[in-house]
Amino acid sequence: MEMRKGWGLQIMQVVLGVIIGALVTLSIVRYRDAKHLIDTRYKDWRKLNMVLDIVEKNYVDTLNREGMTDAAVSAALSRLDPHSVYLPPQELEASQEELSGNFDGIGIQFNVPNDTAIVLEVIAGGPSEKVGLMPGDRLLKVDDKVIAGVKFPQDSMVRRIKGPSGSKVTITVKRGSEVIPFEIIRGKIPVHSVDAAFMLRDSVGYLRLAKFSRTTYKECHEASLKLLQEGMTHLIFDLRDNVGGYMDQALLLCNDFLQRGDTIVYLEGLHRAREIYKADGRGALQDVGLTVLISENSASASEIFAGAIQDNDRGTVVGRRSFGKGLVQEPFFFSDNSGVRLTVARYYTPSGRCIQKPYDSSRDYAYDIYNRYTDGEVFSADSVKLDTTDVHRTRSGRIVYGGGGIMPDVFVPMDTTRASAFYVACNKKATQMRFASAMFDKHARELQAIDNYADMDRFLHRLNYKVEFPAFARSKDGIKCTEAEWDATASYLVPQLNALISRYSKLGENAFYKYYLPVDNTVAVALEAL
């Protein structure tokens, strides 16, 4: 029995030992320089190699080297920091694709309100538009696989639809009463990082950025120039829930707003000398007023941007304390198409604040955002845990604190006061989304012809929400609504319904945000602060 226990310990140790196998046998190259090979020092890992050799020569069963290697590398990196990760081939490909600015597919955007995917948008010039797919089409099958009405997982649906450029896929849709198969040749599909850009009022523009992809600066720059032509003198730049992406895109965006010589960010690590990034003074938006919106889910590149604007006193940051992800990852690729994202430095704002929140063993890093809710931080500025010992100053001398994340200049609590029981019940069953889909079915031809807000306003004004929506909620989801409950909910619910229905028109996502923002209390506060 003791002998078995001994061998059990050795088997456990192999998890660490295989790391060396991965590092020695796989060709690893740095992302920045494909010819740079990692220097492995055998003497530093001698014991682990000895254990690996013992297991290789003596273990009772055949070893699954691939599985053990993946597990070993993941386990080793988990002892470093929360953002150093190992990515197997499929995960690496997906993560690279998400930020690359394009992917292979058929070019549609859809949602699944009621166990059936409904096309919301057909990307102009994409494969689906070329064969005639239309907004409102219900996706029934991908090739021979039924995906409608069978609780088919949405991520699996996406994987089946996507595929390499040049390959064929047959998408069967239901359009009205007709069932139509479309043979589509997949192609390169652009992924947009700008969700919406429009004039919020006479001189105030609004731009919502979803992520920092390879095309972010180009998209934002072009959208901003268009808003300037429409009379914009102040921009509300919405980075809420933007989890970041490429650092260089954040630098380019900051450069558009900052003056020559203004520090944007600097980074530093044990094996990385300090690198300071400054604006070159050639930005096109240096004279535009700026408000930046952030939330607890704004991270990484979003925090670089918000921190640079705040520390240079270039604009006002509004919202709630950002996530606190200030570790710099550098990708390293293995010859088997897997890779590692390794933390090599930390980000610091111009005033010297480290963006990264603590991640020592005494803190539950994975549940930090959840704890902010339970601790009341998202509801009250007084509950925010600032590190008052880590004091820094902006250019004008305003005090800001380190300790992780960007604390906004103007705090906006999460608003739950308008969420009636009826509203919450509908949210749980996505009643609003399915009602919008039903309205599209009923008014498809008229909706698809609308390409301006005047016509959209007139169309929405004709809808009798007070009668139709409660009736829909009762018949479809068994949710009852009294007249008093409707009156208490309507001011919050109607803009949401307008937003969901209007996105089926040619106005798309711009319409969604334009109709929804009037009940967005963070935007309201930002406008009041102008």
Protein backbone atom coordinates (compact mmCIF):
# COMPACT_ATOMS: atom_id res chain seq x y z
CA MET A 1 0.00 0.00 0.00
CA GLU A 2 2.83 2.42 0.87
CA MET A 3 4.50 1.66 -2.43
CA ARG A 4 1.26 2.50 -4.27
CA LYS A 5 1.00 5.76 -2.39
CA GLY A 6 4.56 6.59 -3.39
CA TRP A 7 3.84 5.92 -7.01
CA GLY A 8 0.65 7.99 -6.65
CA LEU A 9 2.74 10.96 -5.54
CA GLN A 10 5.08 10.50 -8.45
CA ILE A 11 2.15 10.42 -10.84
CA MET A 12 0.86 13.66 -9.37
CA GLN A 13 4.30 15.19 -9.81
CA VAL A 14 4.29 14.30 -13.48
CA VAL A 15 1.75 17.04 -13.99
CA LEU A 16 4.50 19.52 -13.24
CA GLY A 17 7.15 17.49 -15.01
CA VAL A 18 5.35 17.47 -18.31
CA ILE A 19 5.65 21.24 -18.46
CA ILE A 20 9.27 20.66 -19.32
CA GLY A 21 8.28 18.21 -22.00
CA ALA A 22 6.08 20.88 -23.52
CA LEU A 23 8.74 23.56 -23.32
CA VAL A 24 11.54 21.35 -24.63
CA THR A 25 9.78 19.40 -27.40
CA LEU A 26 7.57 22.13 -28.80
CA SER A 27 8.89 24.97 -30.88
CA ILE A 28 7.75 28.16 -29.20
CA VAL A 29 7.86 31.51 -30.88
CA ARG A 30 7.00 34.93 -29.67
CA TYR A 31 4.17 36.77 -31.38
CA ARG A 32 6.30 39.84 -32.02
CA ASP A 33 9.22 37.94 -33.51
CA ALA A 34 8.57 34.55 -35.10
CA LYS A 35 12.28 33.71 -34.98
CA HIS A 36 12.67 34.28 -31.25
CA LEU A 37 12.98 30.95 -29.42
CA ILE A 38 12.38 30.61 -25.68
CA ASP A 39 15.55 29.81 -23.72
CA THR A 40 14.91 26.84 -21.44
CA ARG A 41 17.43 26.20 -18.65
CA TYR A 42 17.59 22.46 -18.06
CA LYS A 43 19.35 22.78 -14.69
CA ASP A 44 16.44 24.78 -13.27
CA TRP A 45 14.06 21.90 -14.01
CA ARG A 46 16.30 18.90 -13.30
CA LYS A 47 14.07 17.32 -10.64
CA LEU A 48 10.97 17.61 -12.78
CA ASN A 49 12.72 15.99 -15.72
CA MET A 50 13.92 13.16 -13.49
CA VAL A 51 10.35 12.50 -12.33
CA LEU A 52 9.12 12.58 -15.91
CA ASP A 53 11.81 10.12 -16.95
CA ILE A 54 10.90 7.76 -14.10
CA VAL A 55 7.22 7.83 -15.05
CA GLU A 56 8.03 7.34 -18.73
CA LYS A 57 10.07 4.22 -17.97
CA ASN A 58 8.06 2.68 -15.14
CA TYR A 59 4.38 3.69 -15.16
CA VAL A 60 1.98 0.75 -15.30
CA ASP A 61 -0.20 2.04 -18.18
CA THR A 62 0.25 3.90 -21.44
CA LEU A 63 0.55 7.63 -20.87
CA ASN A 64 -1.78 10.16 -22.50
CA ARG A 65 0.95 12.71 -23.11
CA GLU A 66 -1.27 15.25 -24.85
CA GLY A 67 -3.85 15.38 -22.07
CA MET A 68 -1.20 15.39 -19.35
CA THR A 69 0.73 18.17 -21.08
CA ASP A 70 -2.34 20.38 -21.40
CA ALA A 71 -3.29 19.74 -17.77
CA ALA A 72 0.26 20.36 -16.56
CA VAL A 73 0.69 23.65 -18.39
CA SER A 74 -2.73 24.90 -17.26
CA ALA A 75 -1.99 23.92 -13.66
CA ALA A 76 1.41 25.60 -13.67
CA LEU A 77 0.10 28.87 -15.13
CA SER A 78 -2.76 28.94 -12.64
CA ARG A 79 -0.15 29.49 -9.89
CA LEU A 80 1.00 32.75 -11.48
CA ASP A 81 -1.84 35.25 -11.93
CA PRO A 82 -5.47 35.15 -13.11
CA HIS A 83 -4.67 36.14 -16.70
CA SER A 84 -1.71 33.93 -17.63
CA VAL A 85 -3.44 31.09 -19.46
CA TYR A 86 -2.81 28.13 -21.72
CA LEU A 87 -4.99 27.93 -24.83
CA PRO A 88 -5.43 24.60 -26.65
CA PRO A 89 -5.59 24.90 -30.46
CA GLN A 90 -9.36 25.39 -30.75
CA GLU A 91 -9.52 27.99 -27.97
CA LEU A 92 -6.50 29.85 -29.35
CA GLU A 93 -8.07 30.05 -32.80
CA ALA A 94 -11.35 31.33 -31.36
CA SER A 95 -9.65 33.98 -29.22
CA GLN A 96 -7.51 35.21 -32.11
CA GLU A 97 -10.53 35.33 -34.41
CA GLU A 98 -12.60 37.32 -31.93
CA LEU A 99 -10.15 40.23 -32.00
CA SER A 100 -8.83 39.93 -35.55
CA GLY A 101 -11.51 42.11 -37.12
CA ASN A 102 -12.87 39.37 -39.37
CA PHE A 103 -13.78 35.71 -39.39
CA ASP A 104 -14.89 33.03 -41.81
CA GLY A 105 -18.65 32.56 -41.97
CA ILE A 106 -21.85 33.45 -43.79
CA GLY A 107 -22.38 37.02 -42.55
CA ILE A 108 -25.48 37.17 -40.37
CA GLN A 109 -26.32 38.39 -36.87
CA PHE A 110 -29.07 36.53 -35.04
CA ASN A 111 -30.66 36.02 -31.65
CA VAL A 112 -32.60 33.11 -30.19
CA PRO A 113 -35.65 34.50 -28.36
CA ASN A 114 -37.73 31.31 -28.34
CA ASP A 115 -35.64 28.24 -29.16
CA THR A 116 -35.37 29.33 -32.80
CA ALA A 117 -32.65 31.58 -34.19
CA ILE A 118 -33.97 34.68 -35.96
CA VAL A 119 -31.82 36.68 -38.37
CA LEU A 120 -31.46 40.26 -37.11
CA GLU A 121 -29.00 41.56 -39.65
CA VAL A 122 -27.54 40.40 -42.93
CA ILE A 123 -24.07 41.92 -43.34
CA ALA A 124 -23.87 44.02 -46.48
CA GLY A 125 -21.78 42.39 -49.19
CA GLY A 126 -21.49 39.12 -47.26
CA PRO A 127 -22.29 35.62 -48.51
CA SER A 128 -25.78 35.54 -46.99
CA GLU A 129 -26.85 38.80 -48.61
CA LYS A 130 -25.62 37.55 -51.98
CA VAL A 131 -27.90 34.51 -51.88
CA GLY A 132 -30.91 36.37 -50.48
CA LEU A 133 -31.13 35.73 -46.72
CA MET A 134 -33.21 38.40 -45.03
CA PRO A 135 -33.77 39.80 -41.51
CA GLY A 136 -36.58 37.89 -39.85
CA ASP A 137 -35.71 34.53 -41.42
CA ARG A 138 -35.95 31.64 -38.94
CA LEU A 139 -33.01 29.23 -39.05
CA LEU A 140 -34.33 25.68 -39.17
CA LYS A 141 -31.36 23.57 -40.27
CA VAL A 142 -27.62 23.82 -40.87
CA ASP A 143 -26.94 21.25 -43.59
CA ASP A 144 -28.93 18.25 -42.31
CA LYS A 145 -28.82 19.20 -38.62
CA VAL A 146 -32.08 20.53 -37.16
CA ILE A 147 -31.36 23.50 -34.89
CA ALA A 148 -34.87 24.92 -34.33
CA GLY A 149 -37.21 23.85 -31.54
CA VAL A 150 -34.77 21.32 -30.08
CA LYS A 151 -33.00 23.53 -27.51
CA PHE A 152 -29.85 23.47 -29.63
CA PRO A 153 -27.00 25.27 -27.79
CA GLN A 154 -26.28 28.67 -29.30
CA ASP A 155 -22.49 28.24 -29.24
CA SER A 156 -22.84 24.92 -31.09
CA MET A 157 -25.10 26.65 -33.60
CA VAL A 158 -22.45 29.27 -34.25
CA ARG A 159 -19.75 26.62 -34.73
CA ARG A 160 -21.86 24.77 -37.30
CA ILE A 161 -22.63 27.91 -39.27
CA LYS A 162 -19.05 29.17 -39.30
CA GLY A 163 -16.39 27.47 -41.35
CA PRO A 164 -13.41 28.12 -43.64
CA SER A 165 -13.77 30.52 -46.56
CA GLY A 166 -14.73 28.75 -49.76
CA SER A 167 -16.57 25.93 -48.03
CA LYS A 168 -20.29 25.38 -48.61
CA VAL A 169 -23.11 25.16 -46.11
CA THR A 170 -26.85 24.81 -46.65
CA ILE A 171 -28.98 26.97 -44.37
CA THR A 172 -32.68 26.13 -44.35
CA VAL A 173 -34.92 28.96 -43.18
CA LYS A 174 -38.58 29.59 -42.62
CA ARG A 175 -39.83 32.81 -44.17
CA GLY A 176 -43.48 33.36 -43.45
CA SER A 177 -45.12 30.07 -44.40
CA GLU A 178 -42.34 29.03 -46.78
CA VAL A 179 -39.36 26.78 -46.01
CA ILE A 180 -36.37 27.76 -48.17
CA PRO A 181 -32.92 26.15 -48.39
CA PHE A 182 -29.98 28.44 -49.23
CA GLU A 183 -26.63 27.06 -50.36
CA ILE A 184 -24.01 29.54 -49.16
CA ILE A 185 -20.29 29.70 -49.85
CA ARG A 186 -18.60 30.98 -46.70
CA GLY A 187 -16.29 33.98 -46.88
CA LYS A 188 -14.38 36.52 -44.79
CA ILE A 189 -16.81 38.47 -42.62
CA PRO A 190 -15.84 41.79 -41.01
CA VAL A 191 -16.36 41.99 -37.24
CA HIS A 192 -17.34 45.49 -36.16
CA SER A 193 -16.25 46.80 -32.78
CA VAL A 194 -18.40 49.96 -32.92
CA ASP A 195 -21.92 49.00 -31.84
CA ALA A 196 -23.47 52.40 -32.47
CA ALA A 197 -22.55 55.96 -33.44
CA PHE A 198 -25.10 58.76 -33.82
CA MET A 199 -26.01 62.26 -32.67
CA LEU A 200 -27.65 62.09 -29.25
CA ARG A 201 -28.77 65.71 -29.43
CA ASP A 202 -27.81 68.85 -31.39
CA SER A 203 -24.08 68.99 -30.63
CA VAL A 204 -23.58 65.80 -28.59
CA GLY A 205 -22.46 62.62 -30.31
CA TYR A 206 -22.64 59.10 -28.88
CA LEU A 207 -20.31 56.23 -29.73
CA ARG A 208 -20.48 52.79 -28.15
CA LEU A 209 -17.44 50.55 -28.46
CA ALA A 210 -17.82 46.81 -27.82
CA LYS A 211 -14.15 45.75 -27.87
CA PHE A 212 -10.67 46.74 -28.99
CA SER A 213 -10.14 44.64 -32.12
CA ARG A 214 -7.67 45.11 -34.96
CA THR A 215 -10.09 47.47 -36.73
CA THR A 216 -11.20 49.52 -33.70
CA TYR A 217 -9.25 52.71 -34.33
CA LYS A 218 -10.23 52.84 -38.00
CA GLU A 219 -13.90 52.30 -37.13
CA CYS A 220 -13.94 54.85 -34.31
CA HIS A 221 -12.01 57.43 -36.31
CA GLU A 222 -14.34 57.18 -39.29
CA ALA A 223 -17.45 57.26 -37.09
CA SER A 224 -16.14 60.30 -35.18
CA LEU A 225 -15.37 62.24 -38.36
CA LYS A 226 -18.91 61.57 -39.57
CA LEU A 227 -20.30 62.87 -36.27
CA LEU A 228 -18.11 65.98 -36.59
CA GLN A 229 -19.68 66.64 -39.97
CA GLU A 230 -23.09 66.38 -38.31
CA GLY A 231 -22.18 69.11 -35.81
CA MET A 232 -20.66 67.21 -32.88
CA THR A 233 -18.71 69.34 -30.40
CA HIS A 234 -18.90 66.86 -27.49
CA LEU A 235 -18.65 63.08 -27.56
CA ILE A 236 -20.06 60.59 -25.06
CA PHE A 237 -17.77 57.59 -25.51
CA ASP A 238 -19.40 54.48 -24.07
CA LEU A 239 -16.93 51.83 -22.86
CA ARG A 240 -19.28 50.08 -20.47
CA ASP A 241 -18.89 46.28 -20.58
CA ASN A 242 -15.95 46.65 -22.99
CA VAL A 243 -13.51 43.97 -21.82
CA GLY A 244 -10.57 45.33 -23.81
CA GLY A 245 -8.41 43.79 -26.51
CA TYR A 246 -5.43 45.15 -28.40
CA MET A 247 -3.36 47.73 -26.55
CA ASP A 248 -2.20 49.48 -29.72
CA GLN A 249 -5.79 50.34 -30.61
CA ALA A 250 -6.28 51.99 -27.21
CA LEU A 251 -3.09 54.00 -27.77
CA LEU A 252 -4.29 55.18 -31.17
CA LEU A 253 -7.66 56.20 -29.76
CA CYS A 254 -6.07 58.11 -26.88
CA ASN A 255 -3.80 59.83 -29.37
CA ASP A 256 -6.84 61.20 -31.20
CA PHE A 257 -7.92 63.12 -28.07
CA LEU A 258 -4.68 64.07 -26.25
CA GLN A 259 -2.17 66.87 -26.79
CA ARG A 260 1.39 66.39 -27.96
CA GLY A 261 3.57 64.98 -25.18
CA ASP A 262 0.69 63.82 -22.99
CA THR A 263 1.48 60.45 -21.42
CA ILE A 264 -1.05 57.77 -22.35
CA VAL A 265 0.20 54.79 -20.34
CA TYR A 266 3.40 53.09 -19.34
CA LEU A 267 4.16 49.44 -18.69
CA GLU A 268 6.88 47.74 -16.69
CA GLY A 269 7.80 44.23 -15.55
CA LEU A 270 10.69 42.27 -14.08
CA HIS A 271 11.94 41.31 -17.54
CA ARG A 272 10.43 44.30 -19.38
CA ALA A 273 12.03 47.72 -19.07
CA ARG A 274 9.65 50.62 -18.59
CA GLU A 275 7.98 51.66 -21.84
CA ILE A 276 6.23 55.03 -21.88
CA TYR A 277 3.70 55.88 -24.58
CA LYS A 278 2.92 59.53 -25.38
CA ALA A 279 0.56 61.34 -27.74
CA ASP A 280 2.07 62.86 -30.87
CA GLY A 281 -0.29 65.83 -31.10
CA ARG A 282 -1.74 64.89 -34.48
CA GLY A 283 -5.10 63.62 -33.22
CA ALA A 284 -8.25 64.76 -35.02
CA LEU A 285 -10.40 65.07 -31.87
CA GLN A 286 -8.23 67.21 -29.59
CA ASP A 287 -10.81 70.01 -29.49
CA VAL A 288 -13.87 67.81 -28.97
CA GLY A 289 -15.37 67.70 -25.48
CA LEU A 290 -15.27 64.20 -24.02
CA THR A 291 -17.21 62.11 -21.52
CA VAL A 292 -16.18 58.47 -21.00
CA LEU A 293 -18.66 55.94 -19.63
CA ILE A 294 -17.30 52.93 -17.74
CA SER A 295 -18.73 50.12 -15.62
CA GLU A 296 -17.51 47.27 -13.46
CA ASN A 297 -17.12 45.21 -16.65
CA SER A 298 -14.87 47.71 -18.44
CA ALA A 299 -11.40 46.21 -18.49
CA SER A 300 -7.87 46.30 -19.87
CA ALA A 301 -7.69 48.56 -22.95
CA SER A 302 -10.87 50.33 -21.77
CA GLU A 303 -9.09 51.19 -18.54
CA ILE A 304 -6.01 52.41 -20.37
CA PHE A 305 -8.22 54.85 -22.28
CA ALA A 306 -10.26 55.97 -19.25
CA GLY A 307 -7.14 56.34 -17.09
CA ALA A 308 -5.33 58.42 -19.71
CA ILE A 309 -8.29 60.76 -20.14
CA GLN A 310 -8.77 61.12 -16.37
CA ASP A 311 -5.12 61.64 -15.42
CA ASN A 312 -4.60 64.23 -18.17
CA ASP A 313 -7.84 66.00 -17.12
CA ARG A 314 -8.92 65.68 -20.75
CA GLY A 315 -12.53 64.69 -20.04
CA THR A 316 -14.98 63.42 -17.45
CA VAL A 317 -15.23 59.74 -16.54
CA VAL A 318 -18.77 58.71 -15.55
CA GLY A 319 -20.15 55.42 -14.23
CA ARG A 320 -18.83 52.84 -11.77
CA ARG A 321 -15.34 51.57 -10.85
CA SER A 322 -13.86 49.59 -13.70
CA PHE A 323 -12.81 45.93 -13.53
CA GLY A 324 -9.13 46.36 -12.66
CA LYS A 325 -7.33 44.31 -15.32
CA GLY A 326 -3.92 45.89 -15.73
CA LEU A 327 -1.67 42.95 -16.51
CA VAL A 328 0.04 42.85 -19.90
CA GLN A 329 -0.20 39.52 -21.71
CA GLU A 330 2.19 38.55 -24.44
CA PRO A 331 1.24 35.58 -26.65
CA PHE A 332 3.62 32.68 -27.25
CA PHE A 333 2.72 30.05 -29.82
CA PHE A 334 3.56 26.34 -29.92
CA SER A 335 4.10 24.31 -33.08
CA ASP A 336 0.93 22.26 -32.38
CA ASN A 337 -1.21 25.43 -32.81
CA SER A 338 -1.75 25.86 -29.08
CA GLY A 339 -0.34 28.80 -27.16
CA VAL A 340 0.21 30.65 -23.92
CA ARG A 341 -0.79 34.15 -22.95
CA LEU A 342 1.78 35.07 -20.34
CA THR A 343 1.72 38.15 -18.14
CA VAL A 344 4.97 40.04 -18.74
CA ALA A 345 4.29 43.51 -17.29
CA ARG A 346 1.75 45.79 -15.60
CA TYR A 347 -0.07 48.83 -16.96
CA TYR A 348 0.25 52.17 -15.14
CA THR A 349 -1.79 55.31 -15.81
CA PRO A 350 0.05 58.62 -16.44
CA SER A 351 -0.14 59.53 -12.74
CA GLY A 352 1.46 56.20 -11.79
CA ARG A 353 -1.61 54.20 -10.75
CA CYS A 354 -1.40 50.46 -11.31
CA ILE A 355 -4.64 49.47 -13.04
CA GLN A 356 -4.52 45.86 -11.82
CA LYS A 357 -6.59 44.99 -8.76
CA PRO A 358 -5.01 42.66 -6.14
CA TYR A 359 -5.08 38.93 -6.80
CA ASP A 360 -3.26 37.45 -3.81
CA SER A 361 -4.55 34.25 -2.20
CA SER A 362 -6.47 36.15 0.48
CA ARG A 363 -8.86 37.57 -2.12
CA ASP A 364 -11.47 35.74 -4.17
CA TYR A 365 -10.52 37.17 -7.55
CA ALA A 366 -13.02 35.16 -9.58
CA TYR A 367 -15.94 36.49 -7.56
CA ASP A 368 -14.79 40.09 -7.25
CA ILE A 369 -17.57 41.53 -9.42
CA TYR A 370 -20.18 39.44 -7.60
CA ASN A 371 -18.80 40.71 -4.29
CA ARG A 372 -19.16 44.30 -5.49
CA TYR A 373 -22.89 43.65 -5.81
CA THR A 374 -23.23 41.94 -2.44
CA ASP A 375 -21.11 44.60 -0.73
CA GLY A 376 -23.26 47.35 -2.21
CA GLU A 377 -20.46 48.98 -4.21
CA VAL A 378 -22.52 49.22 -7.41
CA PHE A 379 -25.32 50.97 -5.53
CA SER A 380 -23.36 53.48 -3.43
CA ALA A 381 -20.08 55.34 -3.87
CA ASP A 382 -19.55 55.17 -0.11
CA SER A 383 -19.26 51.36 -0.38
CA VAL A 384 -16.40 51.47 -2.90
CA LYS A 385 -13.22 50.08 -1.35
CA LEU A 386 -10.54 52.57 -2.35
CA ASP A 387 -6.91 52.20 -1.31
CA THR A 388 -6.53 55.60 0.31
CA THR A 389 -2.85 54.89 1.04
CA ASP A 390 -2.08 54.73 -2.69
CA VAL A 391 -2.51 58.41 -3.58
CA HIS A 392 -1.81 59.94 -6.98
CA ARG A 393 -2.62 63.24 -8.66
CA THR A 394 -3.92 64.18 -12.06
CA ARG A 395 -2.30 66.92 -14.12
CA SER A 396 -4.41 69.59 -12.39
CA GLY A 397 -3.67 68.16 -8.94
CA ARG A 398 -6.91 66.25 -8.36
CA ILE A 399 -6.43 63.23 -6.08
CA VAL A 400 -6.99 59.78 -7.56
CA TYR A 401 -6.33 56.44 -5.91
CA GLY A 402 -4.57 53.28 -6.98
CA GLY A 403 -5.43 49.80 -5.86
CA GLY A 404 -7.09 48.56 -9.02
CA GLY A 405 -9.51 49.84 -11.62
CA ILE A 406 -10.47 53.39 -12.55
CA MET A 407 -12.80 55.17 -10.14
CA PRO A 408 -15.00 57.54 -12.18
CA ASP A 409 -15.13 61.28 -11.58
CA VAL A 410 -18.92 61.02 -11.39
CA PHE A 411 -20.34 57.88 -9.76
CA VAL A 412 -23.64 56.54 -11.09
CA PRO A 413 -25.30 53.81 -9.00
CA MET A 414 -27.06 50.90 -10.60
CA ASP A 415 -30.76 51.79 -10.79
CA THR A 416 -33.18 49.09 -9.63
CA THR A 417 -35.99 51.37 -8.48
CA ARG A 418 -37.92 51.12 -11.75
CA ALA A 419 -37.81 47.33 -12.02
CA SER A 420 -41.34 46.28 -11.09
CA ALA A 421 -42.29 42.65 -10.40
CA PHE A 422 -43.93 42.50 -13.84
CA TYR A 423 -40.78 43.81 -15.54
CA VAL A 424 -38.53 41.34 -13.69
CA ALA A 425 -40.83 38.42 -14.55
CA CYS A 426 -40.76 39.38 -18.25
CA ASN A 427 -36.97 39.73 -18.19
CA LYS A 428 -36.57 36.22 -16.79
CA LYS A 429 -38.46 34.76 -19.76
CA ALA A 430 -37.16 37.19 -22.42
CA THR A 431 -40.77 38.18 -23.11
CA GLN A 432 -39.70 41.53 -24.58
CA MET A 433 -37.45 39.92 -27.19
CA ARG A 434 -40.10 37.46 -28.28
CA PHE A 435 -42.71 40.21 -28.44
CA ALA A 436 -40.40 42.20 -30.72
CA SER A 437 -40.03 39.14 -32.93
CA ALA A 438 -43.82 38.78 -33.06
CA MET A 439 -44.18 42.43 -34.04
CA PHE A 440 -41.68 41.89 -36.83
CA ASP A 441 -43.69 38.91 -38.10
CA LYS A 442 -46.80 41.04 -38.09
CA HIS A 443 -45.25 44.14 -39.72
CA ALA A 444 -42.25 42.70 -41.58
CA ARG A 445 -42.68 44.49 -44.90
CA GLU A 446 -43.28 47.88 -43.30
CA LEU A 447 -40.44 47.54 -40.79
CA GLN A 448 -37.88 46.44 -43.35
CA ALA A 449 -38.63 49.51 -45.47
CA ILE A 450 -37.93 52.03 -42.69
CA ASP A 451 -34.59 53.81 -43.05
CA ASN A 452 -35.08 57.03 -41.06
CA TYR A 453 -36.09 57.93 -37.51
CA ALA A 454 -39.09 60.05 -38.46
CA ASP A 455 -40.77 57.05 -40.09
CA MET A 456 -39.65 54.83 -37.22
CA ASP A 457 -41.18 57.19 -34.66
CA ARG A 458 -44.48 57.19 -36.54
CA PHE A 459 -44.52 53.40 -36.76
CA LEU A 460 -43.76 52.88 -33.08
CA HIS A 461 -46.32 55.47 -32.04
CA ARG A 462 -49.07 53.42 -33.71
CA LEU A 463 -48.31 50.31 -31.65
CA ASN A 464 -50.69 49.84 -28.73
CA TYR A 465 -48.22 48.47 -26.17
CA LYS A 466 -50.57 48.94 -23.24
CA VAL A 467 -52.94 46.36 -24.71
CA GLU A 468 -50.73 44.17 -26.88
CA PHE A 469 -47.76 43.55 -24.61
CA PRO A 470 -49.64 42.48 -21.43
CA ALA A 471 -51.84 40.24 -23.60
CA PHE A 472 -48.72 38.67 -25.15
CA ALA A 473 -47.06 38.18 -21.74
CA ARG A 474 -50.18 36.53 -20.36
CA SER A 475 -50.81 34.21 -23.33
CA LYS A 476 -47.19 33.20 -23.99
CA ASP A 477 -45.62 33.21 -20.53
CA GLY A 478 -48.51 33.24 -18.06
CA ILE A 479 -47.40 36.62 -16.67
CA LYS A 480 -50.31 38.77 -15.56
CA CYS A 481 -50.23 42.55 -15.44
CA THR A 482 -52.72 44.89 -13.82
CA GLU A 483 -53.31 48.37 -15.17
CA ALA A 484 -51.51 49.81 -12.14
CA GLU A 485 -48.48 47.55 -12.78
CA TRP A 486 -48.39 48.65 -16.41
CA ASP A 487 -48.52 52.31 -15.44
CA ALA A 488 -45.63 51.73 -13.00
CA THR A 489 -43.57 49.91 -15.62
CA ALA A 490 -44.36 51.61 -18.92
CA SER A 491 -41.85 54.46 -18.69
CA TYR A 492 -39.04 51.90 -18.35
CA LEU A 493 -40.42 49.11 -20.54
CA VAL A 494 -41.68 51.02 -23.59
CA PRO A 495 -38.25 52.40 -24.61
CA GLN A 496 -36.89 48.86 -24.38
CA LEU A 497 -39.65 47.56 -26.65
CA ASN A 498 -39.04 50.41 -29.09
CA ALA A 499 -35.36 49.54 -29.15
CA LEU A 500 -35.91 45.82 -29.73
CA ILE A 501 -38.44 46.34 -32.49
CA SER A 502 -36.58 49.14 -34.31
CA ARG A 503 -33.45 47.02 -34.74
CA TYR A 504 -35.41 44.93 -37.28
CA SER A 505 -35.50 47.98 -39.56
CA LYS A 506 -32.70 49.20 -41.82
CA LEU A 507 -31.55 51.42 -38.94
CA GLY A 508 -30.17 48.35 -37.12
CA GLU A 509 -28.16 48.66 -33.89
CA ASN A 510 -28.05 52.46 -34.05
CA ALA A 511 -31.82 52.43 -33.62
CA PHE A 512 -31.62 50.01 -30.70
CA TYR A 513 -29.36 52.34 -28.70
CA LYS A 514 -31.05 55.54 -29.82
CA TYR A 515 -34.41 54.35 -28.48
CA TYR A 516 -33.03 52.65 -25.38
CA LEU A 517 -30.71 55.41 -24.10
CA PRO A 518 -33.51 57.70 -22.82
CA VAL A 519 -33.91 55.29 -19.87
CA ASP A 520 -30.17 54.82 -19.38
CA ASN A 521 -29.43 56.66 -16.13
CA THR A 522 -25.66 56.77 -16.76
CA VAL A 523 -26.19 58.57 -20.06
CA ALA A 524 -28.68 60.89 -18.33
CA VAL A 525 -26.08 61.80 -15.70
CA ALA A 526 -23.45 62.33 -18.39
CA LEU A 527 -25.73 64.73 -20.23
CA GLU A 528 -26.55 66.60 -17.02
CA ALA A 529 -22.83 67.02 -16.31
CA LEU A 530 -22.12 68.74 -19.63
